[in-house]
C-alpha atoms as a PDB file:
ATOM      1  CA  MET A   1      20.816  13.346   7.259  1.00  0.00           C
ATOM      2  CA  VAL A   2      20.828  14.409   3.609  1.00  0.00           C
ATOM      3  CA  GLU A   3      20.059  18.092   3.263  1.00  0.00           C
ATOM      4  CA  ASP A   4      16.717  19.009   1.701  1.00  0.00           C
ATOM      5  CA  LEU A   5      17.032  21.564  -1.111  1.00  0.00           C
ATOM      6  CA  ARG A   6      13.349  21.638  -1.971  1.00  0.00           C
ATOM      7  CA  ALA A   7      11.849  24.791  -3.386  1.00  0.00           C
ATOM      8  CA  PRO A   8       8.505  26.030  -2.044  1.00  0.00           C
ATOM      9  CA  ALA A   9       5.372  24.616  -3.613  1.00  0.00           C
ATOM     10  CA  VAL A  10       4.391  26.507  -6.745  1.00  0.00           C
ATOM     11  CA  GLU A  11       0.848  27.026  -8.000  1.00  0.00           C
ATOM     12  CA  GLY A  12       0.830  29.465 -10.889  1.00  0.00           C
ATOM     13  CA  ASP A  13       2.258  32.750  -9.606  1.00  0.00           C
ATOM     14  CA  VAL A  14       1.292  32.279  -5.968  1.00  0.00           C
ATOM     15  CA  VAL A  15       3.760  31.163  -3.330  1.00  0.00           C
ATOM     16  CA  GLU A  16       2.784  30.920   0.312  1.00  0.00           C
ATOM     17  CA  GLU A  17       4.571  29.835   3.444  1.00  0.00           C
ATOM     18  CA  LYS A  18       2.441  28.617   6.298  1.00  0.00           C
ATOM     19  CA  ASN A  19       2.742  30.549   9.533  1.00  0.00           C
ATOM     20  CA  THR A  20       5.162  28.406  11.529  1.00  0.00           C
ATOM     21  CA  GLY A  21       6.502  31.236  13.619  1.00  0.00           C
ATOM     22  CA  HIS A  22       9.723  31.241  11.589  1.00  0.00           C
ATOM     23  CA  GLY A  23       8.808  32.821   8.281  1.00  0.00           C
ATOM     24  CA  ILE A  24       6.594  35.092   6.242  1.00  0.00           C
ATOM     25  CA  THR A  25       3.602  34.691   3.960  1.00  0.00           C
ATOM     26  CA  LEU A  26       4.000  35.744   0.328  1.00  0.00           C
ATOM     27  CA  SER A  27       1.252  36.651  -2.101  1.00  0.00           C
ATOM     28  CA  HIS A  28       3.611  36.710  -5.086  1.00  0.00           C
ATOM     29  CA  PRO A  29       7.186  35.491  -5.653  1.00  0.00           C
ATOM     30  CA  ARG A  30       8.354  38.974  -6.629  1.00  0.00           C
ATOM     31  CA  ASP A  31       7.261  40.296  -3.218  1.00  0.00           C
ATOM     32  CA  LEU A  32      10.339  38.683  -1.725  1.00  0.00           C
ATOM     33  CA  SER A  33      13.358  40.795  -2.619  1.00  0.00           C
ATOM     34  CA  ARG A  34      16.749  39.201  -3.113  1.00  0.00           C
ATOM     35  CA  LYS A  35      18.858  39.940  -0.048  1.00  0.00           C
ATOM     36  CA  HIS A  36      22.101  38.198  -0.912  1.00  0.00           C
ATOM     37  CA  SER A  37      25.133  40.329  -1.748  1.00  0.00           C
ATOM     38  CA  ARG A  38      25.529  40.846  -5.470  1.00  0.00           C
ATOM     39  CA  GLY A  39      28.839  39.613  -6.797  1.00  0.00           C
ATOM     40  CA  THR A  40      29.243  36.842  -4.214  1.00  0.00           C
ATOM     41  CA  LEU A  41      28.541  33.164  -4.374  1.00  0.00           C
ATOM     42  CA  PRO A  42      26.796  31.367  -1.524  1.00  0.00           C
ATOM     43  CA  SER A  43      29.393  29.542   0.519  1.00  0.00           C
ATOM     44  CA  SER A  44      26.920  27.094   2.002  1.00  0.00           C
ATOM     45  CA  ILE A  45      23.318  25.970   1.747  1.00  0.00           C
ATOM     46  CA  GLU A  46      21.151  25.085   4.703  1.00  0.00           C
ATOM     47  CA  THR A  47      17.498  24.294   5.068  1.00  0.00           C
ATOM     48  CA  GLY A  48      15.033  26.457   6.906  1.00  0.00           C
ATOM     49  CA  PRO A  49      12.896  25.289   9.821  1.00  0.00           C
ATOM     50  CA  ALA A  50      11.221  21.954   9.269  1.00  0.00           C
ATOM     51  CA  GLY A  51       8.320  22.195   6.880  1.00  0.00           C
ATOM     52  CA  THR A  52       9.062  25.643   5.453  1.00  0.00           C
ATOM     53  CA  GLY A  53      10.775  24.362   2.312  1.00  0.00           C
ATOM     54  CA  TYR A  54      12.984  27.458   2.094  1.00  0.00           C
ATOM     55  CA  ARG A  55      16.723  27.508   1.587  1.00  0.00           C
ATOM     56  CA  HIS A  56      19.132  29.706   3.522  1.00  0.00           C
ATOM     57  CA  PHE A  57      22.329  31.041   2.004  1.00  0.00           C
ATOM     58  CA  THR A  58      25.467  32.307   3.676  1.00  0.00           C
ATOM     59  CA  SER A  59      27.498  34.654   1.514  1.00  0.00           C
ATOM     60  CA  PRO A  60      31.268  34.989   1.957  1.00  0.00           C
ATOM     61  CA  GLN A  61      32.275  38.425   3.238  1.00  0.00           C
ATOM     62  CA  ARG A  62      35.519  40.222   2.371  1.00  0.00           C
ATOM     63  CA  GLY A  63      37.415  42.639   4.589  1.00  0.00           C
ATOM     64  CA  ALA A  64      36.778  43.193   8.269  1.00  0.00           C
ATOM     65  CA  ALA A  65      33.275  41.763   8.420  1.00  0.00           C
ATOM     66  CA  SER A  66      31.842  41.150  11.860  1.00  0.00           C
ATOM     67  CA  GLN A  67      30.927  37.704  13.118  1.00  0.00           C
ATOM     68  CA  SER A  68      27.236  38.619  12.919  1.00  0.00           C
ATOM     69  CA  GLN A  69      27.669  39.631   9.278  1.00  0.00           C
ATOM     70  CA  ARG A  70      29.428  36.371   8.454  1.00  0.00           C
ATOM     71  CA  SER A  71      26.748  34.278  10.116  1.00  0.00           C
ATOM     72  CA  GLN A  72      23.698  36.205   8.904  1.00  0.00           C
ATOM     73  CA  ARG A  73      21.343  34.084   6.779  1.00  0.00           C
ATOM     74  CA  PHE A  74      18.649  35.273   4.405  1.00  0.00           C
ATOM     75  CA  ARG A  75      15.564  33.647   2.954  1.00  0.00           C
ATOM     76  CA  VAL A  76      15.615  34.008  -0.811  1.00  0.00           C
ATOM     77  CA  ARG A  77      13.166  32.955  -3.466  1.00  0.00           C
ATOM     78  CA  SER A  78      14.007  33.258  -7.148  1.00  0.00           C
ATOM     79  CA  VAL A  79      11.384  33.152  -9.876  1.00  0.00           C
ATOM     80  CA  THR A  80      13.924  31.821 -12.382  1.00  0.00           C
ATOM     81  CA  ASP A  81      12.645  28.823 -14.362  1.00  0.00           C
ATOM     82  CA  LEU A  82      14.855  25.826 -14.980  1.00  0.00           C
ATOM     83  CA  ASP A  83      15.649  24.874 -18.565  1.00  0.00           C
ATOM     84  CA  LEU A  84      13.431  21.892 -19.381  1.00  0.00           C
ATOM     85  CA  ARG A  85      14.930  20.551 -22.592  1.00  0.00           C
ATOM     86  CA  PRO A  86      12.622  18.929 -25.181  1.00  0.00           C
ATOM     87  CA  SER A  87      13.938  15.451 -24.331  1.00  0.00           C
ATOM     88  CA  ILE A  88      13.030  15.941 -20.679  1.00  0.00           C
ATOM     89  CA  LEU A  89       9.521  17.108 -21.494  1.00  0.00           C
ATOM     90  CA  LEU A  90       8.916  14.330 -24.006  1.00  0.00           C
ATOM     91  CA  ALA A  91      10.095  11.694 -21.526  1.00  0.00           C
ATOM     92  CA  LEU A  92       7.798  13.092 -18.828  1.00  0.00           C
ATOM     93  CA  TRP A  93       4.730  13.319 -21.069  1.00  0.00           C
ATOM     94  CA  LEU A  94       4.980  10.099 -23.121  1.00  0.00           C
ATOM     95  CA  PRO A  95       3.461   7.930 -20.339  1.00  0.00           C
ATOM     96  CA  VAL A  96       0.589  10.417 -19.893  1.00  0.00           C
ATOM     97  CA  PRO A  97      -2.463  10.090 -22.183  1.00  0.00           C
ATOM     98  CA  SER A  98      -2.883  13.800 -22.863  1.00  0.00           C
ATOM     99  CA  SER A  99      -2.711  16.066 -25.898  1.00  0.00           C
ATOM    100  CA  ARG A 100      -0.982  18.672 -23.729  1.00  0.00           C
ATOM    101  CA  GLY A 101       2.276  16.745 -23.955  1.00  0.00           C
ATOM    102  CA  ALA A 102       3.088  17.640 -27.549  1.00  0.00           C
ATOM    103  CA  ALA A 103       2.317  21.311 -26.906  1.00  0.00           C
ATOM    104  CA  ALA A 104       4.629  21.331 -23.873  1.00  0.00           C
ATOM    105  CA  VAL A 105       7.466  19.787 -25.897  1.00  0.00           C
ATOM    106  CA  GLU A 106       7.022  22.074 -28.902  1.00  0.00           C
ATOM    107  CA  GLY A 107       6.589  25.312 -27.000  1.00  0.00           C
ATOM    108  CA  ALA A 108       5.968  28.427 -29.068  1.00  0.00           C
ATOM    109  CA  ASP A 109       8.769  27.937 -31.601  1.00  0.00           C
ATOM    110  CA  GLY A 110       7.150  25.527 -34.034  1.00  0.00           C
ATOM    111  CA  ALA A 111       5.623  22.107 -34.585  1.00  0.00           C
ATOM    112  CA  HIS A 112       7.837  19.048 -34.098  1.00  0.00           C
ATOM    113  CA  THR A 113       7.739  15.949 -36.284  1.00  0.00           C
ATOM    114  CA  VAL A 114       8.960  12.375 -35.853  1.00  0.00           C
ATOM    115  CA  ALA A 115      10.788  10.630 -38.691  1.00  0.00           C
ATOM    116  CA  ALA A 116       9.054   7.239 -38.459  1.00  0.00           C
ATOM    117  CA  PRO A 117       9.846   4.936 -41.419  1.00  0.00           C
ATOM    118  CA  GLU A 118       7.177   2.452 -40.326  1.00  0.00           C
ATOM    119  CA  LEU A 119       4.597   5.227 -40.756  1.00  0.00           C
ATOM    120  CA  GLY A 120       5.839   6.279 -44.168  1.00  0.00           C
ATOM    121  CA  GLY A 121       7.922   9.308 -43.222  1.00  0.00           C
ATOM    122  CA  GLU A 122       7.617  12.310 -40.938  1.00  0.00           C
ATOM    123  CA  VAL A 123       4.460  12.641 -38.861  1.00  0.00           C
ATOM    124  CA  PRO A 124       3.418  15.369 -36.402  1.00  0.00           C
ATOM    125  CA  LEU A 125       4.634  14.759 -32.858  1.00  0.00           C
ATOM    126  CA  LEU A 126       1.110  14.618 -31.403  1.00  0.00           C
ATOM    127  CA  GLU A 127       0.030  12.039 -33.982  1.00  0.00           C
ATOM    128  CA  TRP A 128       3.093   9.908 -33.302  1.00  0.00           C
ATOM    129  CA  MET A 129       2.570  10.079 -29.520  1.00  0.00           C
ATOM    130  CA  THR A 130      -1.010   8.896 -30.002  1.00  0.00           C
ATOM    131  CA  LEU A 131       0.018   6.008 -32.253  1.00  0.00           C
ATOM    132  CA  VAL A 132       2.922   4.793 -30.125  1.00  0.00           C
ATOM    133  CA  GLY A 133       0.694   4.533 -27.049  1.00  0.00           C
ATOM    134  CA  ARG A 134       1.907   4.066 -23.517  1.00  0.00           C
ATOM    135  CA  PRO A 135       5.557   2.951 -23.361  1.00  0.00           C
ATOM    136  CA  GLU A 136       7.048   0.172 -21.266  1.00  0.00           C
ATOM    137  CA  ARG A 137       9.969   2.402 -20.367  1.00  0.00           C
ATOM    138  CA  VAL A 138      10.995   5.978 -21.104  1.00  0.00           C
ATOM    139  CA  ALA A 139      13.808   8.232 -19.872  1.00  0.00           C
ATOM    140  CA  ALA A 140      15.611  11.392 -20.945  1.00  0.00           C
ATOM    141  CA  VAL A 141      19.329  10.782 -21.414  1.00  0.00           C
ATOM    142  CA  PHE A 142      22.213  13.221 -21.868  1.00  0.00           C
ATOM    143  CA  PRO A 143      25.260  11.271 -23.062  1.00  0.00           C
ATOM    144  CA  SER A 144      28.567  13.103 -23.380  1.00  0.00           C
ATOM    145  CA  PRO A 145      32.086  12.134 -24.507  1.00  0.00           C
ATOM    146  CA  SER A 146      33.170  11.983 -20.856  1.00  0.00           C
ATOM    147  CA  ASP A 147      30.127   9.899 -19.880  1.00  0.00           C
ATOM    148  CA  PRO A 148      28.761   8.289 -23.071  1.00  0.00           C
ATOM    149  CA  LEU A 149      26.429   5.762 -21.381  1.00  0.00           C
ATOM    150  CA  PRO A 150      26.542   2.244 -22.895  1.00  0.00           C
ATOM    151  CA  GLY A 151      24.568   1.899 -26.112  1.00  0.00           C
ATOM    152  CA  LEU A 152      23.766   5.603 -26.478  1.00  0.00           C
ATOM    153  CA  GLY A 153      26.666   6.694 -28.674  1.00  0.00           C
ATOM    154  CA  SER A 154      24.356   7.687 -31.529  1.00  0.00           C
ATOM    155  CA  ALA A 155      23.054  10.569 -29.393  1.00  0.00           C
ATOM    156  CA  LEU A 156      26.470  12.053 -28.589  1.00  0.00           C
ATOM    157  CA  ASP A 157      26.295  14.755 -31.260  1.00  0.00           C
ATOM    158  CA  ALA A 158      22.850  15.924 -30.148  1.00  0.00           C
ATOM    159  CA  GLY A 159      23.797  15.661 -26.480  1.00  0.00           C
ATOM    160  CA  GLU A 160      20.291  14.542 -25.537  1.00  0.00           C
ATOM    161  CA  ALA A 161      17.736  11.899 -26.449  1.00  0.00           C
ATOM    162  CA  VAL A 162      14.743   9.971 -25.169  1.00  0.00           C
ATOM    163  CA  LEU A 163      15.208   6.302 -24.393  1.00  0.00           C
ATOM    164  CA  LEU A 164      11.986   4.519 -25.355  1.00  0.00           C
ATOM    165  CA  ARG A 165      10.891   0.914 -25.015  1.00  0.00           C
ATOM    166  CA  THR A 166       7.523  -0.052 -26.457  1.00  0.00           C
ATOM    167  CA  ALA A 167       5.619  -3.327 -26.419  1.00  0.00           C
ATOM    168  CA  ALA A 168       4.235  -5.036 -29.501  1.00  0.00           C
ATOM    169  CA  ALA A 169       0.820  -3.621 -30.381  1.00  0.00           C
ATOM    170  CA  ARG A 170      -1.928  -5.897 -31.648  1.00  0.00           C
ATOM    171  CA  GLY A 171      -2.829  -4.967 -35.187  1.00  0.00           C
ATOM    172  CA  GLY A 172      -0.580  -1.896 -35.030  1.00  0.00           C
ATOM    173  CA  PRO A 173       2.576  -0.883 -36.864  1.00  0.00           C
ATOM    174  CA  HIS A 174       4.848  -1.193 -33.843  1.00  0.00           C
ATOM    175  CA  GLU A 175       6.887  -4.153 -32.694  1.00  0.00           C
ATOM    176  CA  ALA A 176       8.437  -4.555 -29.259  1.00  0.00           C
ATOM    177  CA  ARG A 177      11.688  -2.620 -29.410  1.00  0.00           C
ATOM    178  CA  THR A 178      14.015  -0.225 -27.626  1.00  0.00           C
ATOM    179  CA  ARG A 179      14.852   2.968 -29.471  1.00  0.00           C
ATOM    180  CA  LEU A 180      16.291   6.424 -29.068  1.00  0.00           C
ATOM    181  CA  LEU A 181      14.424   9.554 -30.084  1.00  0.00           C
ATOM    182  CA  ILE A 182      17.092  12.094 -31.029  1.00  0.00           C
ATOM    183  CA  PRO A 183      16.053  15.717 -31.698  1.00  0.00           C
ATOM    184  CA  GLU A 184      17.576  17.422 -34.722  1.00  0.00           C
ATOM    185  CA  PRO A 185      17.003  21.175 -35.277  1.00  0.00           C
ATOM    186  CA  SER A 186      14.905  22.096 -38.299  1.00  0.00           C
ATOM    187  CA  GLY A 187      14.580  25.868 -38.498  1.00  0.00           C
ATOM    188  CA  THR A 188      12.773  26.959 -35.355  1.00  0.00           C
ATOM    189  CA  SER A 189      11.354  23.470 -34.918  1.00  0.00           C
ATOM    190  CA  ALA A 190      12.808  19.959 -34.591  1.00  0.00           C
ATOM    191  CA  VAL A 191      12.633  16.539 -36.198  1.00  0.00           C
ATOM    192  CA  TRP A 192      12.937  13.549 -33.876  1.00  0.00           C
ATOM    193  CA  ARG A 193      14.982  10.763 -35.453  1.00  0.00           C
ATOM    194  CA  LEU A 194      14.328   7.181 -34.318  1.00  0.00           C
ATOM    195  CA  VAL A 195      17.364   4.950 -33.774  1.00  0.00           C
ATOM    196  CA  ASP A 196      16.729   1.277 -33.071  1.00  0.00           C
ATOM    197  CA  LEU A 197      18.826  -0.125 -30.216  1.00  0.00           C
ATOM    198  CA  GLY A 198      17.601  -3.681 -30.700  1.00  0.00           C
ATOM    199  CA  THR A 199      20.448  -4.763 -32.943  1.00  0.00           C
ATOM    200  CA  GLY A 200      23.805  -3.455 -34.036  1.00  0.00           C
ATOM    201  CA  PRO A 201      26.646  -4.430 -36.352  1.00  0.00           C
ATOM    202  CA  THR A 202      27.931  -6.907 -33.773  1.00  0.00           C
ATOM    203  CA  GLY A 203      24.564  -8.288 -32.669  1.00  0.00           C
ATOM    204  CA  PRO A 204      21.936  -7.357 -30.057  1.00  0.00           C
ATOM    205  CA  ALA A 205      22.599  -4.137 -28.177  1.00  0.00           C
ATOM    206  CA  PRO A 206      23.150  -4.464 -24.424  1.00  0.00           C
ATOM    207  CA  ALA A 207      20.148  -3.703 -22.243  1.00  0.00           C
ATOM    208  CA  ILE A 208      20.360  -0.313 -20.555  1.00  0.00           C
ATOM    209  CA  PRO A 209      19.915  -0.857 -16.811  1.00  0.00           C
ATOM    210  CA  PRO A 210      17.563   1.289 -14.729  1.00  0.00           C
ATOM    211  CA  PHE A 211      18.897   4.590 -13.466  1.00  0.00           C
ATOM    212  CA  ASP A 212      18.964   4.366  -9.662  1.00  0.00           C
ATOM    213  CA  ALA A 213      17.009   7.343  -8.311  1.00  0.00           C
ATOM    214  CA  ALA A 214      18.041   6.825  -4.675  1.00  0.00           C
ATOM    215  CA  HIS A 215      21.716   6.709  -5.623  1.00  0.00           C
ATOM    216  CA  ALA A 216      21.258   9.732  -7.890  1.00  0.00           C
ATOM    217  CA  ARG A 217      19.725  11.792  -5.061  1.00  0.00           C
ATOM    218  CA  THR A 218      22.763  11.179  -2.878  1.00  0.00           C
ATOM    219  CA  GLN A 219      25.224  11.846  -5.686  1.00  0.00           C
ATOM    220  CA  VAL A 220      23.506  15.022  -6.908  1.00  0.00           C
ATOM    221  CA  HIS A 221      23.318  16.445  -3.399  1.00  0.00           C
ATOM    222  CA  ALA A 222      27.023  15.828  -2.769  1.00  0.00           C
ATOM    223  CA  ALA A 223      27.975  17.140  -6.215  1.00  0.00           C
ATOM    224  CA  THR A 224      25.995  20.356  -5.688  1.00  0.00           C
ATOM    225  CA  GLU A 225      27.840  21.058  -2.456  1.00  0.00           C
ATOM    226  CA  GLU A 226      31.145  20.307  -4.171  1.00  0.00           C
ATOM    227  CA  ALA A 227      30.338  22.576  -7.119  1.00  0.00           C
ATOM    228  CA  ILE A 228      29.435  25.517  -4.881  1.00  0.00           C
ATOM    229  CA  GLU A 229      32.563  25.049  -2.781  1.00  0.00           C
ATOM    230  CA  ALA A 230      34.739  24.818  -5.888  1.00  0.00           C
ATOM    231  CA  LEU A 231      33.293  27.953  -7.482  1.00  0.00           C
ATOM    232  CA  THR A 232      33.632  29.861  -4.224  1.00  0.00           C
ATOM    233  CA  GLU A 233      37.289  28.833  -3.913  1.00  0.00           C
ATOM    234  CA  LEU A 234      37.928  29.819  -7.535  1.00  0.00           C
ATOM    235  CA  ASP A 235      36.446  33.233  -6.681  1.00  0.00           C
ATOM    236  CA  LEU A 236      34.585  33.720  -9.958  1.00  0.00           C
ATOM    237  CA  ALA A 237      32.749  36.715  -8.541  1.00  0.00           C
ATOM    238  CA  ARG A 238      35.857  38.880  -8.280  1.00  0.00           C
ATOM    239  CA  GLU A 239      35.902  39.841 -11.963  1.00  0.00           C
ATOM    240  CA  ARG A 240      32.436  38.708 -13.077  1.00  0.00           C
ATOM    241  CA  PRO A 241      29.764  39.673 -10.503  1.00  0.00           C
ATOM    242  CA  GLU A 242      26.987  39.117 -13.065  1.00  0.00           C
ATOM    243  CA  LEU A 243      28.113  35.488 -13.402  1.00  0.00           C
ATOM    244  CA  ALA A 244      27.743  35.051  -9.653  1.00  0.00           C
ATOM    245  CA  ASP A 245      24.190  36.389  -9.857  1.00  0.00           C
ATOM    246  CA  ASP A 246      23.343  33.935 -12.640  1.00  0.00           C
ATOM    247  CA  LEU A 247      24.687  31.062 -10.576  1.00  0.00           C
ATOM    248  CA  THR A 248      22.782  32.175  -7.491  1.00  0.00           C
ATOM    249  CA  ASP A 249      19.578  32.402  -9.529  1.00  0.00           C
ATOM    250  CA  LEU A 250      20.123  28.832 -10.692  1.00  0.00           C
ATOM    251  CA  ILE A 251      20.521  27.583  -7.136  1.00  0.00           C
ATOM    252  CA  THR A 252      16.988  28.802  -6.375  1.00  0.00           C
ATOM    253  CA  ALA A 253      15.400  28.065  -9.769  1.00  0.00           C
ATOM    254  CA  VAL A 254      12.341  25.822 -10.111  1.00  0.00           C
ATOM    255  CA  ALA A 255      10.616  23.961 -12.927  1.00  0.00           C
ATOM    256  CA  ASP A 256       7.632  25.751 -14.443  1.00  0.00           C
ATOM    257  CA  PRO A 257       4.703  23.653 -13.142  1.00  0.00           C
ATOM    258  CA  ARG A 258       2.693  24.417 -16.283  1.00  0.00           C
ATOM    259  CA  LEU A 259       5.133  22.318 -18.316  1.00  0.00           C
ATOM    260  CA  LEU A 260       5.020  19.268 -16.045  1.00  0.00           C
ATOM    261  CA  PRO A 261       2.434  16.484 -16.363  1.00  0.00           C
ATOM    262  CA  PRO A 262      -0.285  16.474 -13.698  1.00  0.00           C
ATOM    263  CA  GLY A 263       0.311  14.205 -10.753  1.00  0.00           C
ATOM    264  CA  MET A 264       4.069  13.974 -11.239  1.00  0.00           C
ATOM    265  CA  ASP A 265       5.644  12.231  -8.268  1.00  0.00           C
ATOM    266  CA  GLN A 266       7.062  14.836  -5.894  1.00  0.00           C
ATOM    267  CA  ARG A 267      10.303  12.955  -5.286  1.00  0.00           C
ATOM    268  CA  ARG A 268      10.920  12.664  -9.027  1.00  0.00           C
ATOM    269  CA  ARG A 269      10.279  16.382  -9.429  1.00  0.00           C
ATOM    270  CA  GLU A 270      12.657  17.269  -6.601  1.00  0.00           C
ATOM    271  CA  LEU A 271      15.410  15.096  -8.098  1.00  0.00           C
ATOM    272  CA  LEU A 272      14.821  16.610 -11.532  1.00  0.00           C
ATOM    273  CA  GLU A 273      15.037  20.161 -10.195  1.00  0.00           C
ATOM    274  CA  ARG A 274      18.146  19.470  -8.134  1.00  0.00           C
ATOM    275  CA  SER A 275      19.853  17.798 -11.082  1.00  0.00           C
ATOM    276  CA  LEU A 276      18.985  20.644 -13.455  1.00  0.00           C
ATOM    277  CA  ARG A 277      20.257  23.225 -10.984  1.00  0.00           C
ATOM    278  CA  LEU A 278      23.563  21.389 -10.751  1.00  0.00           C
ATOM    279  CA  LEU A 279      23.721  20.943 -14.526  1.00  0.00           C
ATOM    280  CA  GLY A 280      23.062  24.634 -15.115  1.00  0.00           C
ATOM    281  CA  ILE A 281      25.676  25.718 -12.580  1.00  0.00           C
ATOM    282  CA  CYS A 282      28.323  23.517 -14.184  1.00  0.00           C
ATOM    283  CA  GLU A 283      27.462  24.515 -17.751  1.00  0.00           C
ATOM    284  CA  ILE A 284      27.493  28.255 -17.054  1.00  0.00           C
ATOM    285  CA  ALA A 285      30.833  28.053 -15.265  1.00  0.00           C
ATOM    286  CA  LEU A 286      32.382  25.785 -17.905  1.00  0.00           C
ATOM    287  CA  ASP A 287      31.074  27.712 -20.915  1.00  0.00           C
ATOM    288  CA  ASP A 288      32.118  31.166 -19.702  1.00  0.00           C
ATOM    289  CA  ASP A 289      35.831  31.207 -20.535  1.00  0.00           C
ATOM    290  CA  GLY A 290      36.000  34.889 -19.674  1.00  0.00           C
ATOM    291  CA  ALA A 291      35.558  34.050 -16.000  1.00  0.00           C
ATOM    292  CA  ALA A 292      38.917  32.253 -15.943  1.00  0.00           C
ATOM    293  CA  ALA A 293      41.903  34.543 -15.478  1.00  0.00           C
ATOM    294  CA  THR A 294      44.417  32.006 -16.772  1.00  0.00           C
ATOM    295  CA  ALA A 295      44.509  28.799 -18.778  1.00  0.00           C
ATOM    296  CA  LEU A 296      45.570  26.995 -15.615  1.00  0.00           C
ATOM    297  CA  GLN A 297      42.496  28.244 -13.776  1.00  0.00           C
ATOM    298  CA  ALA A 298      40.256  27.174 -16.663  1.00  0.00           C
ATOM    299  CA  GLU A 299      41.833  23.717 -16.661  1.00  0.00           C
ATOM    300  CA  ARG A 300      41.362  23.393 -12.918  1.00  0.00           C
ATOM    301  CA  ARG A 301      37.753  24.465 -13.174  1.00  0.00           C
ATOM    302  CA  ALA A 302      37.069  21.946 -15.953  1.00  0.00           C
ATOM    303  CA  ARG A 303      38.752  19.143 -14.022  1.00  0.00           C
ATOM    304  CA  VAL A 304      36.487  19.780 -11.038  1.00  0.00           C
ATOM    305  CA  LEU A 305      33.207  20.556 -12.781  1.00  0.00           C
ATOM    306  CA  ARG A 306      33.024  18.090 -15.680  1.00  0.00           C
ATOM    307  CA  PRO A 307      32.524  15.019 -13.450  1.00  0.00           C
ATOM    308  CA  LEU A 308      29.888  16.956 -11.493  1.00  0.00           C
ATOM    309  CA  ARG A 309      28.120  17.829 -14.743  1.00  0.00           C
ATOM    310  CA  ASP A 310      28.009  14.130 -15.634  1.00  0.00           C
ATOM    311  CA  THR A 311      26.496  13.431 -12.207  1.00  0.00           C
ATOM    312  CA  ALA A 312      23.793  16.007 -12.947  1.00  0.00           C
ATOM    313  CA  ARG A 313      23.018  14.403 -16.315  1.00  0.00           C
ATOM    314  CA  ARG A 314      22.593  11.006 -14.705  1.00  0.00           C
ATOM    315  CA  GLY A 315      20.357  12.610 -12.100  1.00  0.00           C
ATOM    316  CA  VAL A 316      18.081  13.913 -14.859  1.00  0.00           C
ATOM    317  CA  ALA A 317      17.972  10.442 -16.397  1.00  0.00           C
ATOM    318  CA  ALA A 318      17.031   8.912 -13.043  1.00  0.00           C
ATOM    319  CA  ALA A 319      14.325  11.527 -12.419  1.00  0.00           C
ATOM    320  CA  THR A 320      12.703  10.860 -15.799  1.00  0.00           C
ATOM    321  CA  ASP A 321      13.197   7.065 -15.876  1.00  0.00           C
ATOM    322  CA  TRP A 322       9.631   5.703 -15.973  1.00  0.00           C
ATOM    323  CA  TRP A 323       8.660   2.024 -16.102  1.00  0.00           C
ATOM    324  CA  ALA A 324       5.171   0.677 -16.736  1.00  0.00           C
ATOM    325  CA  GLY A 325       3.791  -0.893 -13.576  1.00  0.00           C
ATOM    326  CA  ALA A 326       6.458   0.616 -11.320  1.00  0.00           C
ATOM    327  CA  ARG A 327       5.451   2.442  -8.170  1.00  0.00           C
END
């Protein structure tokens, strides 16, 4: 059976666990202190009793640790929020008729605009979302040189984009087309550039197939286990205990529910969170060159983690892949 890595349900700042005889009831996430050993990475992840939704971690012990110490498991709950990139938020909110979507995408940094030639230039994001209406398909994509995704090469430099298919609108400025929305930094804000995927220099662009959510769940789960095992074997915590703490926080991180659209399917949310945890783990370990003692160790780490990072990116795409009329 595939292991369940679900985080507890989150409603604002309140987290509760029902009294099942196995756990505790919390009035606030910070009431639960972190009990894992600082400077160690979890060597395995297991689920708690059925229905609790908690994860258990076993930390590797050095020296003459007793069998009870090696087998002791702790319930941990981190209040770390996952990094919901603008492309993820825009993909989640575009199908939802709500003015909250633009605010969630923009955050507190500044207003976003969309460079829309058919509308005469740049328009505010909220205005563009209202005009474009409900899409036929939308997904957040994260192409990379090692996993470019067919037809999405124009988003390689940005590293993220929103795949958008819209239907022809009666009396409106939009025709049926498939496009990419690519964010480009503009001061503290961003301008979303539209790239038409309907045609290219050699003719029509190939259709981008659906991202298989069921397959992604299996792949992301296996990749997460592999990433944790690899980082434990590489022993990153020996010289950089703070890096181990960052990675452990990511393993228990959740998406801020205030940024997600209401009524988001629970399975999509779980896949999104799992994929973002894996993506964050891989990116922290790959970006921190100081954690590698030698060039050979850095090369080994990259060889193991880069394919797992690509798996995480495809998991995000599958979690955000929305089709009109799909259930």
